[in-house]
Amino acid sequence: MKQTRRSLLKLIGASTLGSSLKVDVLKAQERMIQRIIPSSGGLLPVIGLGTSRVFDTDFSPELLKPRKEIVQALLNIGGRLIDSSPMYGRAEELTGKIVKDLNIGEQLFLATKVWIEGKEAGEIQMNESSIKLNKAVIDLMQIHNLLDWKTHIKTLYQWKEEGKISYIGITHSRSSAFEQMENIIRKESIDFAQFNYSLGETEAENRLLPLCKDLGVATIINRPFMRGKLFKAAKKKALPNWCHEFNINSWSQFFLKFILANDAVTNIIPATSKPKHMIDNLGGGIGPVPSKELQKRMLDSF
């Protein structure tokens, strides 16, 4: 979807965000920062959308409308990736309905997961995910929380060869799984690794992020706000005055740009059920990326 200054103004002006974000987004580059998927050379915008909890809802108009606006905002400001899972209740179905209603399947990079034991059960579940998401070829299929990964990885290799999926990934959201993830990354030919990394959970900096960079594995970052814990910690804090010099206009953007300062990060998937928060999050992927020195300053100031 072609991005224009007018469409950005219209989208952001329709939200309840403050005028500072309108001005600063328009001053910045009008397309989101993109990073390379090492295994293919393709480009992926750095801010995506997570659907855990927030898309597990019914299809009533009052609940569907804001989620359509969230997805449309993602596209309008240059994003593409939506991440889901059978673990997330009705999130795949709701995402698929939005894809169908807005006719945007080809514009999105849809990622989901296999989360079940057994080869046949895994194949059934993945086929069901494709139907629910209204996407014949899933862009990224991941093994959720490494469940029965030795079984599913063989299926994923076959499905990628057959063109049923485009990329293979593994996921976890706890640092206790990092060692196992590292072993899989060294041994297997995977395209993506998804894991937790944030200003409050920096363990991935020690080995996992450098390993992914060295071996050419793209990364997706979950829990960027620690499920809201970082916002609670920032509630009584003022955003440092120097942040505006670096196009950081909210705590959301502060937390996301902290993550993007690590060049081994490919994409971040904050989850939200509010369009104004989605637009704010997307602003974290526009404008300059913090240097390592600025990242340290951000950590020290929080």
Protein backbone atom coordinates (compact mmCIF):
# COMPACT_ATOMS: atom_id res chain seq x y z
CA MET A 1 0.00 0.00 0.00
CA LYS A 2 1.48 3.31 -1.05
CA GLN A 3 2.22 5.60 1.86
CA THR A 4 1.61 9.32 1.54
CA ARG A 5 1.92 12.28 3.88
CA ARG A 6 -1.80 12.89 3.50
CA SER A 7 -2.80 9.33 4.40
CA LEU A 8 -0.58 9.38 7.49
CA LEU A 9 -2.11 12.66 8.63
CA LYS A 10 -5.62 11.33 8.05
CA LEU A 11 -4.91 8.10 9.94
CA ILE A 12 -3.15 9.72 12.87
CA GLY A 13 -5.56 12.64 13.01
CA ALA A 14 -8.44 10.19 13.35
CA SER A 15 -6.90 8.78 16.50
CA THR A 16 -6.96 10.29 19.97
CA LEU A 17 -3.19 10.70 20.12
CA GLY A 18 -1.67 14.04 20.90
CA SER A 19 -0.53 16.48 18.25
CA SER A 20 3.16 15.89 19.05
CA LEU A 21 3.02 12.42 17.53
CA LYS A 22 1.30 13.76 14.42
CA VAL A 23 4.03 16.32 13.85
CA ASP A 24 6.97 14.08 14.67
CA VAL A 25 5.77 11.17 12.56
CA LEU A 26 5.24 13.48 9.61
CA LYS A 27 8.69 14.99 10.05
CA ALA A 28 10.25 11.52 10.05
CA GLN A 29 10.58 9.19 7.13
CA GLU A 30 7.14 8.14 5.95
CA ARG A 31 7.82 4.45 5.70
CA MET A 32 8.73 2.22 8.55
CA ILE A 33 12.30 1.02 8.99
CA GLN A 34 12.85 -2.39 7.40
CA ARG A 35 15.40 -5.07 8.16
CA ILE A 36 16.65 -8.02 6.17
CA ILE A 37 15.47 -11.60 6.58
CA PRO A 38 18.91 -13.23 6.27
CA SER A 39 17.81 -16.57 4.78
CA SER A 40 16.04 -14.93 1.82
CA GLY A 41 17.28 -11.37 1.57
CA GLY A 42 13.70 -10.14 1.83
CA LEU A 43 12.81 -7.05 3.85
CA LEU A 44 10.46 -6.91 6.83
CA PRO A 45 9.19 -3.77 8.59
CA VAL A 46 10.40 -3.69 12.17
CA ILE A 47 7.08 -3.27 14.02
CA GLY A 48 4.42 -5.94 13.74
CA LEU A 49 1.36 -6.98 15.71
CA GLY A 50 0.92 -9.68 18.32
CA THR A 51 -2.54 -11.19 18.82
CA SER A 52 -2.20 -13.07 22.12
CA ARG A 53 -5.21 -12.24 24.34
CA VAL A 54 -6.19 -9.08 22.46
CA PHE A 55 -7.60 -10.87 19.36
CA ASP A 56 -9.17 -13.75 21.29
CA THR A 57 -12.69 -12.37 21.11
CA ASP A 58 -15.99 -12.79 19.32
CA PHE A 59 -16.89 -11.21 15.99
CA SER A 60 -19.35 -8.64 17.30
CA PRO A 61 -19.18 -5.28 15.46
CA GLU A 62 -18.06 -3.38 18.58
CA LEU A 63 -15.09 -5.72 19.06
CA LEU A 64 -14.27 -6.32 15.40
CA LYS A 65 -14.20 -2.66 14.35
CA PRO A 66 -11.24 -1.50 16.48
CA ARG A 67 -9.25 -4.59 15.52
CA LYS A 68 -9.82 -3.87 11.84
CA GLU A 69 -8.58 -0.34 12.50
CA ILE A 70 -5.48 -1.78 14.20
CA VAL A 71 -4.66 -3.95 11.19
CA GLN A 72 -5.37 -1.11 8.76
CA ALA A 73 -3.08 1.17 10.79
CA LEU A 74 -0.35 -1.47 10.59
CA LEU A 75 -0.57 -1.43 6.81
CA ASN A 76 -1.01 2.33 6.44
CA ILE A 77 2.17 3.08 8.35
CA GLY A 78 4.18 0.44 6.52
CA GLY A 79 3.93 -2.65 8.73
CA ARG A 80 3.16 -6.18 7.56
CA LEU A 81 3.70 -8.89 10.16
CA ILE A 82 0.88 -10.30 12.30
CA ASP A 83 1.75 -13.13 14.69
CA SER A 84 -0.79 -15.62 16.02
CA SER A 85 -1.15 -19.16 17.35
CA PRO A 86 -3.75 -21.88 17.97
CA MET A 87 -2.89 -21.25 21.62
CA TYR A 88 -4.54 -17.80 21.38
CA GLY A 89 -8.16 -18.96 21.27
CA ARG A 90 -10.04 -17.29 18.40
CA ALA A 91 -7.18 -15.00 17.40
CA GLU A 92 -6.42 -16.85 14.16
CA GLU A 93 -10.08 -16.84 13.15
CA LEU A 94 -10.51 -13.16 13.93
CA THR A 95 -7.34 -12.31 12.01
CA GLY A 96 -8.59 -14.38 9.08
CA LYS A 97 -11.93 -12.59 9.05
CA ILE A 98 -10.19 -9.23 8.97
CA VAL A 99 -7.93 -10.46 6.17
CA LYS A 100 -10.99 -11.54 4.18
CA ASP A 101 -13.14 -8.49 4.93
CA LEU A 102 -10.37 -6.04 4.03
CA ASN A 103 -8.98 -8.20 1.20
CA ILE A 104 -5.41 -7.74 2.41
CA GLY A 105 -4.02 -11.27 2.54
CA GLU A 106 -1.30 -10.58 0.00
CA GLN A 107 -0.16 -7.43 1.79
CA LEU A 108 0.41 -9.10 5.14
CA PHE A 109 3.19 -11.31 6.43
CA LEU A 110 1.22 -13.83 8.50
CA ALA A 111 3.01 -15.87 11.13
CA THR A 112 1.44 -18.57 13.24
CA LYS A 113 2.51 -21.66 15.13
CA VAL A 114 2.10 -25.38 15.60
CA TRP A 115 1.27 -26.12 19.24
CA ILE A 116 0.44 -29.79 19.68
CA GLU A 117 2.21 -33.12 20.00
CA GLY A 118 2.48 -35.63 17.14
CA LYS A 119 3.15 -35.45 13.41
CA GLU A 120 -0.39 -36.06 12.17
CA ALA A 121 -1.95 -33.79 14.79
CA GLY A 122 0.55 -31.08 13.85
CA GLU A 123 -0.31 -31.32 10.17
CA ILE A 124 -4.03 -31.15 10.93
CA GLN A 125 -3.53 -28.11 13.15
CA MET A 126 -1.39 -26.28 10.59
CA ASN A 127 -3.92 -26.92 7.83
CA GLU A 128 -6.65 -25.58 10.11
CA SER A 129 -4.55 -22.47 10.78
CA SER A 130 -4.24 -21.84 7.05
CA ILE A 131 -8.02 -22.03 6.68
CA LYS A 132 -8.68 -19.82 9.71
CA LEU A 133 -6.20 -17.19 8.54
CA ASN A 134 -7.52 -17.22 4.97
CA LYS A 135 -3.97 -17.68 3.73
CA ALA A 136 -3.14 -20.58 1.43
CA VAL A 137 0.62 -20.26 2.03
CA ILE A 138 1.55 -19.26 5.59
CA ASP A 139 4.49 -16.87 5.51
CA LEU A 140 6.03 -18.16 8.73
CA MET A 141 5.20 -21.34 10.64
CA GLN A 142 6.80 -21.59 14.07
CA ILE A 143 7.05 -24.34 16.67
CA HIS A 144 5.34 -22.81 19.68
CA ASN A 145 7.34 -23.00 22.91
CA LEU A 146 9.42 -25.76 21.28
CA LEU A 147 6.61 -28.28 21.90
CA ASP A 148 7.55 -31.60 20.23
CA TRP A 149 9.99 -29.68 18.06
CA LYS A 150 11.94 -32.73 16.86
CA THR A 151 8.77 -34.09 15.28
CA HIS A 152 7.48 -30.84 13.80
CA ILE A 153 10.78 -29.61 12.38
CA LYS A 154 10.78 -32.52 9.91
CA THR A 155 7.28 -31.62 8.76
CA LEU A 156 8.21 -27.97 8.41
CA TYR A 157 11.20 -28.81 6.24
CA GLN A 158 8.90 -30.82 3.98
CA TRP A 159 6.21 -28.16 3.88
CA LYS A 160 8.71 -25.46 3.02
CA GLU A 161 10.08 -27.60 0.20
CA GLU A 162 6.53 -28.14 -1.07
CA GLY A 163 5.72 -24.41 -0.91
CA LYS A 164 3.07 -24.70 1.82
CA ILE A 165 5.00 -22.31 4.05
CA SER A 166 7.65 -19.72 3.28
CA TYR A 167 9.73 -19.70 6.46
CA ILE A 168 10.39 -21.95 9.48
CA GLY A 169 10.71 -20.69 13.04
CA ILE A 170 10.86 -21.60 16.72
CA THR A 171 9.45 -19.61 19.63
CA HIS A 172 9.53 -19.19 23.37
CA SER A 173 8.78 -16.36 25.79
CA ARG A 174 11.00 -17.33 28.72
CA SER A 175 14.75 -16.91 29.07
CA SER A 176 14.90 -20.34 30.71
CA ALA A 177 14.47 -21.78 27.19
CA PHE A 178 17.33 -19.80 25.63
CA GLU A 179 19.91 -22.55 25.92
CA GLN A 180 17.62 -25.02 24.18
CA MET A 181 16.85 -22.47 21.49
CA GLU A 182 20.55 -21.87 20.95
CA ASN A 183 21.15 -25.59 20.48
CA ILE A 184 18.36 -25.82 17.90
CA ILE A 185 19.60 -22.75 16.03
CA ARG A 186 23.07 -24.27 15.78
CA LYS A 187 21.79 -27.64 14.63
CA GLU A 188 18.79 -26.92 12.42
CA SER A 189 18.18 -24.78 9.33
CA ILE A 190 15.60 -22.36 10.64
CA ASP A 191 14.75 -18.91 9.32
CA PHE A 192 13.32 -17.20 12.41
CA ALA A 193 13.62 -17.36 16.19
CA GLN A 194 11.03 -15.62 18.36
CA PHE A 195 11.77 -14.83 22.01
CA ASN A 196 11.46 -12.23 24.76
CA TYR A 197 13.71 -9.18 24.94
CA SER A 198 13.00 -5.78 26.46
CA LEU A 199 14.38 -3.05 28.65
CA GLY A 200 13.32 -5.20 31.61
CA GLU A 201 14.44 -8.56 30.19
CA THR A 202 17.83 -8.17 28.55
CA GLU A 203 19.13 -11.75 28.83
CA ALA A 204 18.88 -12.28 25.06
CA GLU A 205 21.73 -9.79 24.54
CA ASN A 206 24.22 -12.17 26.10
CA ARG A 207 24.17 -15.06 23.61
CA LEU A 208 20.92 -15.55 21.73
CA LEU A 209 20.80 -12.33 19.73
CA PRO A 210 24.51 -12.49 18.78
CA LEU A 211 24.09 -16.14 17.76
CA CYS A 212 21.13 -15.34 15.52
CA LYS A 213 23.10 -12.54 13.91
CA ASP A 214 26.16 -14.74 13.34
CA LEU A 215 24.17 -17.65 11.88
CA GLY A 216 21.79 -15.58 9.75
CA VAL A 217 18.56 -16.19 11.67
CA ALA A 218 15.90 -13.47 11.71
CA THR A 219 14.44 -12.57 15.09
CA ILE A 220 10.96 -11.66 16.31
CA ILE A 221 10.74 -10.11 19.76
CA ASN A 222 7.79 -10.86 22.01
CA ARG A 223 6.91 -9.34 25.41
CA PRO A 224 8.44 -5.93 24.49
CA PHE A 225 6.46 -4.28 27.30
CA MET A 226 6.58 -7.31 29.64
CA ARG A 227 2.78 -7.53 29.35
CA GLY A 228 2.38 -4.01 30.65
CA LYS A 229 4.84 -4.18 33.54
CA LEU A 230 7.11 -1.57 31.95
CA PHE A 231 4.22 0.89 31.62
CA LYS A 232 3.35 0.39 35.27
CA ALA A 233 6.97 1.10 36.19
CA ALA A 234 6.92 4.25 34.05
CA LYS A 235 3.58 5.52 35.36
CA LYS A 236 5.09 8.09 37.73
CA LYS A 237 8.08 8.88 35.54
CA ALA A 238 8.38 11.70 33.03
CA LEU A 239 9.74 10.90 29.61
CA PRO A 240 13.29 12.36 29.53
CA ASN A 241 13.45 15.70 27.70
CA TRP A 242 16.22 14.50 25.41
CA CYS A 243 13.97 11.79 23.94
CA HIS A 244 12.32 14.15 21.47
CA GLU A 245 15.69 14.78 19.84
CA PHE A 246 15.59 11.14 18.74
CA ASN A 247 11.93 11.06 17.67
CA ILE A 248 10.89 9.24 20.86
CA ASN A 249 7.54 10.69 21.85
CA SER A 250 6.04 8.19 24.29
CA TRP A 251 7.05 5.42 26.65
CA SER A 252 5.87 2.88 24.09
CA GLN A 253 8.30 4.26 21.52
CA PHE A 254 11.01 4.49 24.18
CA PHE A 255 10.69 0.75 24.94
CA LEU A 256 10.48 -0.27 21.28
CA LYS A 257 13.42 1.84 20.14
CA PHE A 258 15.49 0.45 23.01
CA ILE A 259 14.94 -3.00 21.44
CA LEU A 260 15.64 -1.79 17.90
CA ALA A 261 19.03 -0.45 19.02
CA ASN A 262 20.18 -4.06 18.78
CA ASP A 263 20.73 -4.67 15.07
CA ALA A 264 20.11 -8.41 15.47
CA VAL A 265 16.42 -7.62 16.02
CA THR A 266 14.33 -8.05 12.88
CA ASN A 267 10.79 -7.43 14.11
CA ILE A 268 8.90 -6.65 17.33
CA ILE A 269 5.30 -7.75 17.97
CA PRO A 270 3.58 -5.59 20.60
CA ALA A 271 -0.05 -6.60 21.16
CA THR A 272 -2.91 -4.16 21.62
CA SER A 273 -6.68 -3.91 21.30
CA LYS A 274 -6.70 -0.13 20.85
CA PRO A 275 -6.01 1.60 17.50
CA LYS A 276 -4.43 4.66 19.17
CA HIS A 277 -1.91 2.38 20.91
CA MET A 278 -1.16 0.60 17.63
CA ILE A 279 -0.38 3.92 15.95
CA ASP A 280 1.81 4.92 18.88
CA ASN A 281 3.65 1.59 18.68
CA LEU A 282 4.19 1.99 14.95
CA GLY A 283 5.83 5.33 15.61
CA GLY A 284 8.58 3.37 17.32
CA GLY A 285 9.57 1.99 13.92
CA ILE A 286 9.85 5.38 12.23
CA GLY A 287 12.82 7.70 12.39
CA PRO A 288 16.35 7.19 13.73
CA VAL A 289 17.41 4.00 15.50
CA PRO A 290 19.22 4.55 18.80
CA SER A 291 22.93 3.89 18.93
CA LYS A 292 24.38 1.49 21.48
CA GLU A 293 25.42 4.51 23.53
CA LEU A 294 21.88 5.90 23.46
CA GLN A 295 20.47 2.48 24.34
CA LYS A 296 22.64 2.45 27.47
CA ARG A 297 21.48 5.96 28.30
CA MET A 298 17.89 4.79 27.97
CA LEU A 299 18.51 1.89 30.33
CA ASP A 300 20.28 4.08 32.87
CA SER A 301 17.54 6.74 32.78
CA PHE A 302 14.71 4.29 33.43
